[in-house]
Amino acid sequence: MTRFLLPLVASALLISFFGLGSFTVFDVDEAVFSQASKEMLKSGNWITPTYNGENRYDKPILFYWLMGASYWIFGMNEFAARFPSAVSGCLLCLAIFFFVKHFKDERRALCVAFTVAISPYYLVYTHAAVTDMALTLFITLALLSFYLSLEHGAVSRKYLLGLYIFSALAFLTKGLIGILFPFGVACIYLLATEGIGGMKRLSSTVGVILFVIISAPWYSAQFFINGQEFVQQFFIKHHFKRYTEVISGHKGPLYYYVPALLIGLMPWVAFLPSGIRHAFRNMRLSRKGQVRSAGSDTLGLFALVWFAFIVLFFSLSITKLPNYILPSVPAAALLIVSGMMEETRWTKYAHAGIIAMTLTAGFIFLMSGRHLTRFGISETGWTLWAALTLFALAVASVIAILIKRSLYISLYILTGLFLVLLAATALPLANHALQGTLHRYSLYAKNNLREDDKIITYGINNPSIVFYSDRRVVKVGSPEELATLLSQGRRLLLISKSADIEGLSKVGFHVLEDDGKYAMLEKK
């Protein structure tokens, strides 16, 4: 066993699982996935996911299956909901490590895997019951399989099957991008290195058959059961309209993913420009026919195509969210470590970038304590420790510049401490501030409502209420809809924004609790 494997596994497990079940599910996406998987397990309908009793077509089936299996093993709780994402993150780090070790050396392999595992992006999405970490795992495995198929002559066809198998799993996890990203990156890379003739290296009859066997049964069953409703909701709305229109208010400028990468890959993103520069140098060599003879030197060019394709694709999308580019993070890590290993003036620039980023972030944490109380976070002592850790990162980079030596292990350790601190303090506190009141209201509804009573949400969209109340929730958005429910003469428990109390009181509701943001009202 390699001597670097134990620290990698320990680090990945620590970042992935630390505090995994210590806070409630966040609204909106995490709560929806958690509830839909709960309904799947309870109903026994493993084909069509439902949320709050209605068909949900946002995502394919595989992640719901993974969460349902986790619920079956661990029970219906927060740890179980996030377990598939945490495991996906650990497997991702191991896959990257062994892949880079195969072509380079153990030291570089460890750095690439650490760059992925010891990053804010990794912490957040291993602690989220959403599809993105599982999707990133499958897309990464597909692309690593493709690259291996190019480098291993006689057994290359066997590796190529991995491209089709893992693309099928990605297709079952998040839809068409599970096909577009692996095959799009592969095609562009082949065109860049071998020209149009290289495209034949993607063809595999067995691969196509395996892809169909894995992915077609569920899609066929959905179309047979739900017909055009499935096509319209899943493909038209949640694929094409999401790309060409603003869905759920998630929009952003063309440069949206620049700050997303700066935060999500801090502090390692400072080495990304150097890594990209190195990859472009390989691209110039490839035009002279020198790269293919260099074997693993093509890895930087491959990572650049992978990274650029995904980031540019989503930069052009109208709907934008930070998690969309998560499948590009392994490629970014390959480029980043390539930049780390380049002992040039660019290394000094990178350390200067780390100093600027960590000092800025440190002062933000240092000054944030006085403002966090406005958002319901009363415990602020942790912000001082977060700031000090970031300042230590800046000091380490200053020393690295002065002594002209890389101090990457120190940077990894300090960043890891910073992330563990966030997992231990910031995430639970932010969760309590954002979700605490709604969690309390939901438990009240679960424990006090009779079977024929109704729970209503008025003017809000918080799926965590459905998850924790363990009841179907009636979502009301207008006084007219509310009047219809009032005419039924049943006991109603209503959760709304505090700003709506006055209007609701006029139609007979009385306040049970109000925290200034959300209110719980009742009408008997």
Protein backbone atom coordinates (compact mmCIF):
# COMPACT_ATOMS: atom_id res chain seq x y z
CA MET A 1 0.00 0.00 0.00
CA THR A 2 1.30 3.43 -0.89
CA ARG A 3 2.47 5.52 2.06
CA PHE A 4 0.40 8.47 0.85
CA LEU A 5 -2.90 6.62 0.82
CA LEU A 6 -3.58 6.73 4.57
CA PRO A 7 -3.30 10.53 4.95
CA LEU A 8 -5.48 10.97 1.86
CA VAL A 9 -8.19 8.62 3.09
CA ALA A 10 -8.09 10.15 6.58
CA SER A 11 -8.37 13.69 5.19
CA ALA A 12 -11.18 12.83 2.76
CA LEU A 13 -13.16 11.02 5.44
CA LEU A 14 -12.66 13.86 7.91
CA ILE A 15 -13.79 16.60 5.55
CA SER A 16 -16.61 14.48 4.09
CA PHE A 17 -18.15 13.08 7.26
CA PHE A 18 -17.34 15.58 10.01
CA GLY A 19 -20.65 16.84 11.37
CA LEU A 20 -22.53 15.26 8.48
CA GLY A 21 -25.75 14.76 10.43
CA SER A 22 -25.34 17.55 12.97
CA PHE A 23 -27.67 20.06 11.34
CA THR A 24 -31.06 19.95 9.68
CA VAL A 25 -31.57 19.88 5.91
CA PHE A 26 -31.38 23.22 4.15
CA ASP A 27 -34.07 24.68 1.94
CA VAL A 28 -34.65 24.36 -0.94
CA ASP A 29 -32.94 21.62 -2.95
CA GLU A 30 -31.56 19.55 -0.11
CA ALA A 31 -34.95 19.38 1.60
CA VAL A 32 -36.73 18.44 -1.65
CA PHE A 33 -34.33 15.56 -2.40
CA SER A 34 -34.56 14.36 1.20
CA GLN A 35 -38.36 14.40 1.18
CA ALA A 36 -38.71 12.87 -2.29
CA SER A 37 -36.45 9.98 -1.31
CA LYS A 38 -38.45 9.50 1.89
CA GLU A 39 -41.69 9.34 -0.11
CA MET A 40 -40.11 6.87 -2.52
CA LEU A 41 -39.12 4.54 0.31
CA LYS A 42 -42.51 4.81 2.01
CA SER A 43 -44.60 4.38 -1.14
CA GLY A 44 -42.51 1.68 -2.74
CA ASN A 45 -42.67 3.57 -6.06
CA TRP A 46 -39.04 3.41 -7.24
CA ILE A 47 -39.76 4.68 -10.77
CA THR A 48 -41.36 8.12 -10.44
CA PRO A 49 -40.09 10.35 -7.62
CA THR A 50 -42.72 12.43 -5.84
CA TYR A 51 -42.44 15.46 -3.61
CA ASN A 52 -45.34 16.40 -1.37
CA GLY A 53 -47.39 13.77 -3.18
CA GLU A 54 -46.82 15.19 -6.68
CA ASN A 55 -44.56 13.82 -9.41
CA ARG A 56 -41.14 15.42 -9.47
CA TYR A 57 -39.31 15.51 -12.80
CA ASP A 58 -36.38 17.80 -11.96
CA LYS A 59 -33.74 15.06 -11.89
CA PRO A 60 -33.40 11.41 -12.99
CA ILE A 61 -33.70 8.49 -10.63
CA LEU A 62 -30.23 7.29 -9.57
CA PHE A 63 -29.59 9.73 -6.74
CA TYR A 64 -33.04 9.04 -5.27
CA TRP A 65 -32.17 5.33 -5.32
CA LEU A 66 -28.90 6.02 -3.52
CA MET A 67 -30.63 8.13 -0.87
CA GLY A 68 -33.42 5.56 -0.50
CA ALA A 69 -30.84 2.81 0.08
CA SER A 70 -29.10 5.02 2.62
CA TYR A 71 -32.41 5.63 4.44
CA TRP A 72 -33.03 1.89 4.48
CA ILE A 73 -29.64 1.30 6.16
CA PHE A 74 -29.34 4.30 8.51
CA GLY A 75 -32.93 5.45 8.95
CA MET A 76 -34.60 8.61 7.66
CA ASN A 77 -32.28 11.25 9.06
CA GLU A 78 -29.87 13.96 7.96
CA PHE A 79 -26.80 11.72 8.05
CA ALA A 80 -28.46 9.19 5.77
CA ALA A 81 -29.65 11.90 3.37
CA ARG A 82 -26.10 13.22 2.94
CA PHE A 83 -24.31 9.86 3.07
CA PRO A 84 -24.31 9.27 -0.75
CA SER A 85 -22.68 12.66 -1.33
CA ALA A 86 -20.02 12.04 1.33
CA VAL A 87 -19.18 8.60 -0.07
CA SER A 88 -19.09 10.01 -3.62
CA GLY A 89 -16.58 12.62 -2.48
CA CYS A 90 -14.29 10.02 -0.91
CA LEU A 91 -14.44 7.80 -4.00
CA LEU A 92 -13.70 10.83 -6.18
CA CYS A 93 -10.52 11.59 -4.24
CA LEU A 94 -9.33 7.98 -4.44
CA ALA A 95 -10.01 7.77 -8.17
CA ILE A 96 -8.09 10.98 -8.83
CA PHE A 97 -5.18 9.84 -6.66
CA PHE A 98 -4.71 6.48 -8.39
CA PHE A 99 -5.19 8.03 -11.82
CA VAL A 100 -2.53 10.72 -11.36
CA LYS A 101 -0.20 8.25 -9.61
CA HIS A 102 -0.44 6.01 -12.68
CA PHE A 103 0.84 8.75 -14.98
CA LYS A 104 2.95 10.92 -12.71
CA ASP A 105 4.12 10.19 -9.15
CA GLU A 106 2.62 9.74 -5.70
CA ARG A 107 3.53 13.23 -4.50
CA ARG A 108 1.70 14.91 -7.37
CA ALA A 109 -1.21 12.48 -7.05
CA LEU A 110 -1.58 13.32 -3.38
CA CYS A 111 -1.51 17.05 -4.11
CA VAL A 112 -4.22 16.77 -6.75
CA ALA A 113 -6.46 14.70 -4.48
CA PHE A 114 -5.80 17.05 -1.54
CA THR A 115 -6.64 20.07 -3.71
CA VAL A 116 -10.06 18.56 -4.36
CA ALA A 117 -10.71 17.30 -0.82
CA ILE A 118 -9.39 20.30 1.10
CA SER A 119 -11.50 22.95 -0.57
CA PRO A 120 -14.71 24.81 0.30
CA TYR A 121 -16.44 23.29 -2.74
CA TYR A 122 -15.75 19.78 -1.45
CA LEU A 123 -16.87 20.57 2.10
CA VAL A 124 -20.17 22.07 0.99
CA TYR A 125 -21.20 19.42 -1.53
CA THR A 126 -20.16 16.39 0.49
CA HIS A 127 -22.42 17.86 3.19
CA ALA A 128 -25.38 18.40 0.85
CA ALA A 129 -28.11 15.91 -0.05
CA VAL A 130 -28.05 16.94 -3.72
CA THR A 131 -26.87 15.26 -6.91
CA ASP A 132 -23.74 17.29 -7.61
CA MET A 133 -21.02 15.28 -5.87
CA ALA A 134 -22.33 11.99 -7.27
CA LEU A 135 -22.54 13.56 -10.73
CA THR A 136 -18.98 14.84 -10.41
CA LEU A 137 -17.81 11.35 -9.47
CA PHE A 138 -19.43 9.71 -12.50
CA ILE A 139 -18.32 12.37 -15.00
CA THR A 140 -14.79 12.21 -13.62
CA LEU A 141 -14.67 8.41 -13.84
CA ALA A 142 -15.99 8.61 -17.41
CA LEU A 143 -13.31 11.09 -18.45
CA LEU A 144 -10.50 9.28 -16.64
CA SER A 145 -11.57 6.08 -18.42
CA PHE A 146 -11.46 7.89 -21.75
CA TYR A 147 -7.96 9.24 -21.13
CA LEU A 148 -6.74 5.81 -20.03
CA SER A 149 -8.14 4.34 -23.24
CA LEU A 150 -5.88 6.65 -25.25
CA GLU A 151 -2.74 5.68 -23.36
CA HIS A 152 -3.03 1.89 -23.14
CA GLY A 153 -2.82 0.40 -26.62
CA ALA A 154 -3.92 -3.25 -26.46
CA VAL A 155 -6.33 -2.86 -23.52
CA SER A 156 -7.60 0.57 -24.55
CA ARG A 157 -11.01 -0.75 -25.62
CA LYS A 158 -11.67 -2.06 -22.13
CA TYR A 159 -10.98 1.37 -20.64
CA LEU A 160 -13.19 2.97 -23.28
CA LEU A 161 -16.13 0.98 -21.93
CA GLY A 162 -15.75 2.96 -18.71
CA LEU A 163 -16.56 6.14 -20.65
CA TYR A 164 -19.90 4.67 -21.70
CA ILE A 165 -20.72 3.00 -18.36
CA PHE A 166 -20.01 6.03 -16.17
CA SER A 167 -21.65 8.40 -18.66
CA ALA A 168 -24.78 6.25 -18.39
CA LEU A 169 -24.66 6.59 -14.59
CA ALA A 170 -24.17 10.36 -14.93
CA PHE A 171 -27.13 10.45 -17.36
CA LEU A 172 -29.20 8.69 -14.69
CA THR A 173 -28.01 11.19 -12.09
CA LYS A 174 -28.61 14.56 -13.73
CA GLY A 175 -29.78 14.07 -17.28
CA LEU A 176 -28.27 15.13 -20.59
CA ILE A 177 -25.13 16.76 -19.20
CA GLY A 178 -24.13 13.26 -18.14
CA ILE A 179 -23.69 12.60 -21.86
CA LEU A 180 -22.70 16.06 -23.05
CA PHE A 181 -19.78 16.64 -20.69
CA PRO A 182 -17.88 13.33 -21.03
CA PHE A 183 -18.37 12.99 -24.78
CA GLY A 184 -18.06 16.73 -25.46
CA VAL A 185 -14.72 16.92 -23.66
CA ALA A 186 -13.53 13.72 -25.34
CA CYS A 187 -14.43 14.98 -28.82
CA ILE A 188 -12.77 18.37 -28.37
CA TYR A 189 -9.62 16.78 -26.95
CA LEU A 190 -9.38 14.32 -29.84
CA LEU A 191 -9.93 17.08 -32.38
CA ALA A 192 -7.22 19.19 -30.73
CA THR A 193 -4.64 16.40 -30.58
CA GLU A 194 -5.42 14.05 -33.47
CA GLY A 195 -7.76 15.90 -35.78
CA ILE A 196 -11.00 14.58 -37.22
CA GLY A 197 -9.49 11.15 -37.73
CA GLY A 198 -9.11 10.72 -34.00
CA MET A 199 -12.87 10.66 -33.50
CA LYS A 200 -12.99 6.99 -34.46
CA ARG A 201 -11.29 6.21 -31.16
CA LEU A 202 -14.58 7.00 -29.41
CA SER A 203 -16.59 4.37 -31.25
CA SER A 204 -17.55 1.24 -29.34
CA THR A 205 -20.53 -0.95 -30.19
CA VAL A 206 -20.23 -2.75 -26.85
CA GLY A 207 -20.04 0.62 -25.10
CA VAL A 208 -23.25 1.81 -26.74
CA ILE A 209 -25.00 -1.44 -25.78
CA LEU A 210 -23.86 -1.08 -22.15
CA PHE A 211 -24.98 2.55 -22.10
CA VAL A 212 -28.45 1.59 -23.31
CA ILE A 213 -28.74 -1.36 -20.91
CA ILE A 214 -27.88 0.87 -17.94
CA SER A 215 -29.82 4.04 -18.74
CA ALA A 216 -32.66 3.16 -21.12
CA PRO A 217 -34.91 1.08 -18.78
CA TRP A 218 -35.73 3.94 -16.41
CA TYR A 219 -36.20 6.56 -19.15
CA SER A 220 -38.39 4.14 -21.10
CA ALA A 221 -40.46 3.35 -18.03
CA GLN A 222 -40.94 7.05 -17.27
CA PHE A 223 -42.08 7.80 -20.80
CA PHE A 224 -44.43 4.79 -20.75
CA ILE A 225 -45.94 5.81 -17.39
CA ASN A 226 -45.98 9.62 -17.64
CA GLY A 227 -45.70 10.28 -21.39
CA GLN A 228 -45.54 13.86 -22.59
CA GLU A 229 -45.72 15.27 -19.06
CA PHE A 230 -42.32 13.69 -18.38
CA VAL A 231 -40.87 14.96 -21.67
CA GLN A 232 -42.15 18.50 -21.12
CA GLN A 233 -41.08 18.78 -17.50
CA PHE A 234 -37.83 16.84 -17.54
CA PHE A 235 -36.30 17.62 -20.93
CA ILE A 236 -37.97 20.88 -22.00
CA LYS A 237 -38.26 22.73 -18.69
CA HIS A 238 -35.36 21.38 -16.65
CA HIS A 239 -32.87 21.07 -19.51
CA PHE A 240 -33.50 23.47 -22.37
CA LYS A 241 -35.48 26.18 -20.59
CA ARG A 242 -33.09 26.11 -17.64
CA TYR A 243 -30.28 26.87 -20.08
CA THR A 244 -32.07 29.51 -22.12
CA GLU A 245 -34.28 31.14 -19.46
CA VAL A 246 -34.11 32.12 -15.79
CA ILE A 247 -35.54 29.35 -13.60
CA SER A 248 -36.40 30.07 -9.94
CA GLY A 249 -34.63 33.43 -10.09
CA HIS A 250 -31.15 31.89 -10.44
CA LYS A 251 -29.43 34.20 -12.89
CA GLY A 252 -26.02 35.82 -13.07
CA PRO A 253 -23.58 37.69 -15.31
CA LEU A 254 -21.17 36.09 -17.75
CA TYR A 255 -18.37 36.20 -15.15
CA TYR A 256 -20.55 34.52 -12.48
CA TYR A 257 -18.21 31.55 -12.09
CA VAL A 258 -15.07 33.62 -11.53
CA PRO A 259 -16.00 34.52 -7.92
CA ALA A 260 -17.52 31.04 -7.53
CA LEU A 261 -14.12 29.50 -8.30
CA LEU A 262 -12.26 32.03 -6.15
CA ILE A 263 -14.36 31.06 -3.13
CA GLY A 264 -14.94 27.39 -3.90
CA LEU A 265 -11.27 26.57 -4.56
CA MET A 266 -9.65 29.02 -2.15
CA PRO A 267 -6.67 29.21 -1.73
CA TRP A 268 -5.57 26.77 -4.46
CA VAL A 269 -7.19 28.75 -7.27
CA ALA A 270 -4.21 31.13 -7.09
CA PHE A 271 -2.15 28.46 -8.90
CA LEU A 272 -4.73 28.01 -11.66
CA PRO A 273 -3.32 30.68 -14.04
CA SER A 274 0.10 29.01 -13.92
CA GLY A 275 -1.46 25.62 -14.61
CA ILE A 276 -3.42 26.98 -17.55
CA ARG A 277 -0.26 28.60 -18.91
CA HIS A 278 1.54 25.25 -18.68
CA ALA A 279 -1.33 23.51 -20.50
CA PHE A 280 -1.26 26.09 -23.30
CA ARG A 281 2.43 25.44 -23.69
CA ASN A 282 1.60 21.76 -24.19
CA MET A 283 -1.00 22.78 -26.75
CA ARG A 284 1.67 24.56 -28.78
CA LEU A 285 3.81 21.44 -28.60
CA SER A 286 0.89 19.32 -29.79
CA ARG A 287 0.66 21.41 -32.95
CA LYS A 288 4.27 20.50 -33.64
CA GLY A 289 3.49 16.82 -33.12
CA GLN A 290 5.57 16.56 -29.95
CA VAL A 291 2.93 15.98 -27.27
CA ARG A 292 1.85 12.48 -28.15
CA SER A 293 5.43 11.25 -27.83
CA ALA A 294 5.63 12.84 -24.40
CA GLY A 295 2.97 10.50 -23.04
CA SER A 296 1.63 11.90 -19.79
CA ASP A 297 2.50 15.50 -20.76
CA THR A 298 -0.87 15.52 -22.50
CA LEU A 299 -2.60 15.40 -19.12
CA GLY A 300 -2.45 19.17 -18.66
CA LEU A 301 -4.00 19.78 -22.08
CA PHE A 302 -6.72 17.23 -21.33
CA ALA A 303 -7.46 18.94 -17.99
CA LEU A 304 -7.65 22.33 -19.71
CA VAL A 305 -10.19 21.09 -22.27
CA TRP A 306 -12.21 19.44 -19.48
CA PHE A 307 -12.17 22.54 -17.25
CA ALA A 308 -12.80 25.09 -19.99
CA PHE A 309 -15.63 23.15 -21.63
CA ILE A 310 -17.73 22.92 -18.45
CA VAL A 311 -17.05 26.45 -17.18
CA LEU A 312 -17.69 28.08 -20.56
CA PHE A 313 -20.81 25.97 -21.12
CA PHE A 314 -22.43 27.13 -17.90
CA SER A 315 -21.13 30.69 -18.24
CA LEU A 316 -23.32 30.94 -21.35
CA SER A 317 -26.33 29.46 -19.51
CA ILE A 318 -29.00 31.93 -18.41
CA THR A 319 -29.75 30.04 -15.19
CA LYS A 320 -26.64 29.88 -13.00
CA LEU A 321 -25.80 28.27 -9.66
CA PRO A 322 -22.37 27.69 -8.03
CA ASN A 323 -22.80 23.90 -8.01
CA TYR A 324 -23.21 23.68 -11.79
CA ILE A 325 -19.44 23.74 -12.41
CA LEU A 326 -18.56 21.21 -9.69
CA PRO A 327 -17.70 18.56 -12.37
CA SER A 328 -14.90 20.88 -13.52
CA VAL A 329 -13.19 20.88 -10.09
CA PRO A 330 -11.11 17.70 -10.64
CA ALA A 331 -9.78 19.20 -13.89
CA ALA A 332 -9.08 22.48 -12.10
CA ALA A 333 -7.16 20.52 -9.45
CA LEU A 334 -5.01 18.90 -12.15
CA LEU A 335 -4.21 22.33 -13.56
CA ILE A 336 -3.63 23.84 -10.13
CA VAL A 337 -1.08 21.20 -9.12
CA SER A 338 0.60 21.54 -12.50
CA GLY A 339 0.99 25.22 -11.61
CA MET A 340 2.29 24.33 -8.15
CA MET A 341 5.03 22.16 -9.61
CA GLU A 342 6.23 24.94 -11.91
CA GLU A 343 9.06 26.55 -9.96
CA THR A 344 8.97 29.90 -11.76
CA ARG A 345 8.03 33.47 -10.99
CA TRP A 346 4.44 32.35 -11.47
CA THR A 347 4.74 30.50 -8.16
CA LYS A 348 5.52 33.81 -6.46
CA TYR A 349 2.49 35.36 -8.14
CA ALA A 350 0.34 32.50 -6.86
CA HIS A 351 1.56 32.91 -3.30
CA ALA A 352 0.94 36.65 -3.60
CA GLY A 353 -2.60 35.80 -4.71
CA ILE A 354 -3.05 33.53 -1.68
CA ILE A 355 -1.86 36.33 0.59
CA ALA A 356 -4.37 38.74 -0.94
CA MET A 357 -7.26 36.25 -0.78
CA THR A 358 -6.64 35.01 2.74
CA LEU A 359 -6.00 38.45 4.21
CA THR A 360 -9.20 39.75 2.60
CA ALA A 361 -11.23 36.76 3.78
CA GLY A 362 -9.61 36.94 7.22
CA PHE A 363 -10.57 40.58 7.71
CA ILE A 364 -14.10 39.80 6.53
CA PHE A 365 -14.40 37.09 9.20
CA LEU A 366 -12.80 39.38 11.77
CA MET A 367 -15.32 42.14 11.09
CA SER A 368 -18.32 39.87 10.61
CA GLY A 369 -18.97 39.15 14.28
CA ARG A 370 -20.78 42.42 14.91
CA HIS A 371 -23.04 41.89 11.90
CA LEU A 372 -23.93 38.20 12.28
CA THR A 373 -26.29 38.88 15.17
CA ARG A 374 -28.60 40.64 12.71
CA PHE A 375 -29.06 37.29 10.97
CA GLY A 376 -29.78 35.36 14.16
CA ILE A 377 -26.23 34.06 14.76
CA SER A 378 -25.40 34.99 18.33
CA GLU A 379 -22.26 32.86 18.75
CA THR A 380 -19.45 34.71 16.99
CA GLY A 381 -16.29 33.59 18.77
CA TRP A 382 -15.52 31.15 15.96
CA THR A 383 -15.04 34.02 13.52
CA LEU A 384 -11.85 35.04 15.34
CA TRP A 385 -10.40 31.54 14.97
CA ALA A 386 -11.42 31.47 11.30
CA ALA A 387 -9.66 34.80 10.74
CA LEU A 388 -6.52 33.64 12.56
CA THR A 389 -6.37 30.48 10.47
CA LEU A 390 -6.63 32.51 7.29
CA PHE A 391 -3.96 34.93 8.51
CA ALA A 392 -1.72 31.90 9.20
CA LEU A 393 -2.23 30.86 5.58
CA ALA A 394 -1.10 34.31 4.48
CA VAL A 395 1.98 34.10 6.72
CA ALA A 396 2.86 30.65 5.32
CA SER A 397 2.73 32.09 1.80
CA VAL A 398 4.94 35.01 2.81
CA ILE A 399 7.49 32.58 4.22
CA ALA A 400 7.30 30.45 1.06
CA ILE A 401 8.19 33.50 -1.03
CA LEU A 402 11.05 34.55 1.28
CA ILE A 403 12.73 31.14 1.57
CA LYS A 404 11.92 30.19 -2.04
CA ARG A 405 10.49 26.84 -1.02
CA SER A 406 7.04 25.32 -1.40
CA LEU A 407 5.19 24.91 1.89
CA TYR A 408 2.23 23.08 0.39
CA ILE A 409 1.78 20.60 3.25
CA SER A 410 1.49 23.52 5.68
CA LEU A 411 -1.05 25.17 3.37
CA TYR A 412 -3.08 21.96 3.14
CA ILE A 413 -3.07 21.49 6.92
CA LEU A 414 -4.11 25.08 7.63
CA THR A 415 -6.85 25.00 4.98
CA GLY A 416 -8.08 21.68 6.37
CA LEU A 417 -8.28 23.19 9.86
CA PHE A 418 -10.22 26.12 8.46
CA LEU A 419 -12.73 23.81 6.77
CA VAL A 420 -13.18 21.64 9.87
CA LEU A 421 -13.79 24.82 11.85
CA LEU A 422 -16.49 25.84 9.39
CA ALA A 423 -18.07 22.38 9.55
CA ALA A 424 -18.02 22.41 13.35
CA THR A 425 -19.32 25.92 13.89
CA ALA A 426 -20.39 27.98 10.88
CA LEU A 427 -22.55 25.38 9.13
CA PRO A 428 -24.61 24.42 12.23
CA LEU A 429 -24.98 28.05 13.31
CA ALA A 430 -26.02 29.20 9.84
CA ASN A 431 -28.42 26.26 9.65
CA HIS A 432 -30.00 27.16 12.99
CA ALA A 433 -30.38 30.79 11.94
CA LEU A 434 -31.94 29.91 8.59
CA GLN A 435 -33.84 26.75 9.45
CA GLY A 436 -34.26 26.65 13.23
CA THR A 437 -37.64 28.32 13.43
CA LEU A 438 -39.11 26.36 10.53
CA HIS A 439 -37.79 23.14 12.04
CA ARG A 440 -39.49 23.94 15.33
CA TYR A 441 -42.78 24.81 13.62
CA SER A 442 -42.61 21.62 11.57
CA LEU A 443 -42.12 19.44 14.65
CA TYR A 444 -45.04 21.21 16.35
CA ALA A 445 -47.24 20.33 13.37
CA LYS A 446 -46.03 16.73 13.37
CA ASN A 447 -46.75 16.26 17.08
CA ASN A 448 -49.98 18.25 17.46
CA LEU A 449 -52.08 17.97 14.30
CA ARG A 450 -54.72 15.31 13.91
CA GLU A 451 -54.97 13.27 10.73
CA ASP A 452 -57.70 15.44 9.19
CA ASP A 453 -56.07 18.76 10.12
CA LYS A 454 -54.21 20.67 7.44
CA ILE A 455 -50.84 22.41 7.46
CA ILE A 456 -50.52 25.35 5.08
CA THR A 457 -47.59 27.41 3.88
CA TYR A 458 -48.59 30.88 2.77
CA GLY A 459 -46.35 32.84 0.40
CA ILE A 460 -43.22 30.79 1.15
CA ASN A 461 -41.43 27.82 -0.43
CA ASN A 462 -39.67 25.83 2.27
CA PRO A 463 -39.67 22.09 1.56
CA SER A 464 -38.04 21.35 4.92
CA ILE A 465 -41.51 21.85 6.44
CA VAL A 466 -42.77 18.86 4.46
CA PHE A 467 -39.76 16.77 5.49
CA TYR A 468 -39.93 17.48 9.23
CA SER A 469 -43.70 17.70 9.68
CA ASP A 470 -43.99 14.34 7.91
CA ARG A 471 -47.25 15.53 6.40
CA ARG A 472 -48.45 16.70 3.03
CA VAL A 473 -48.39 20.50 3.00
CA VAL A 474 -50.85 22.71 1.15
CA LYS A 475 -48.96 25.52 -0.55
CA VAL A 476 -51.02 28.72 -0.85
CA GLY A 477 -49.91 31.81 -2.70
CA SER A 478 -52.95 34.10 -2.73
CA PRO A 479 -55.87 35.20 -0.50
CA GLU A 480 -58.29 33.54 -2.95
CA GLU A 481 -56.69 30.12 -2.48
CA LEU A 482 -56.71 30.62 1.26
CA ALA A 483 -60.41 31.53 1.25
CA THR A 484 -61.21 28.18 -0.40
CA LEU A 485 -59.47 26.32 2.40
CA LEU A 486 -61.16 28.41 5.08
CA SER A 487 -64.56 27.44 3.74
CA GLN A 488 -63.88 23.77 4.47
CA GLY A 489 -64.25 24.29 8.21
CA ARG A 490 -61.18 22.27 9.26
CA ARG A 491 -58.49 23.14 11.76
CA LEU A 492 -55.69 24.87 9.87
CA LEU A 493 -52.08 25.40 10.93
CA LEU A 494 -50.39 28.01 8.77
CA ILE A 495 -46.72 28.99 8.43
CA SER A 496 -45.93 32.28 6.74
CA LYS A 497 -43.64 35.26 6.80
CA SER A 498 -44.13 37.53 9.79
CA ALA A 499 -44.99 40.38 7.44
CA ASP A 500 -48.24 38.58 6.54
CA ILE A 501 -49.56 38.32 10.11
CA GLU A 502 -51.81 41.36 9.93
CA GLY A 503 -53.69 40.18 6.84
CA LEU A 504 -54.01 36.63 8.15
CA SER A 505 -55.35 37.85 11.49
CA LYS A 506 -58.19 39.61 9.69
CA VAL A 507 -59.46 36.31 8.28
CA GLY A 508 -59.50 34.54 11.65
CA PHE A 509 -55.98 33.22 12.23
CA HIS A 510 -54.33 33.80 15.58
CA VAL A 511 -50.57 33.76 16.16
CA LEU A 512 -49.03 30.82 18.00
CA GLU A 513 -45.44 31.96 17.55
CA ASP A 514 -43.56 34.68 15.71
CA ASP A 515 -39.78 35.12 15.53
CA GLY A 516 -39.87 38.27 13.43
CA LYS A 517 -39.17 36.41 10.19
CA TYR A 518 -41.55 33.44 10.19
CA ALA A 519 -44.83 33.05 12.01
CA MET A 520 -46.98 30.06 12.91
CA LEU A 521 -50.71 30.72 13.05
CA GLU A 522 -53.79 28.62 13.69
CA LYS A 523 -57.46 28.69 12.88
CA LYS A 524 -59.75 26.17 14.53
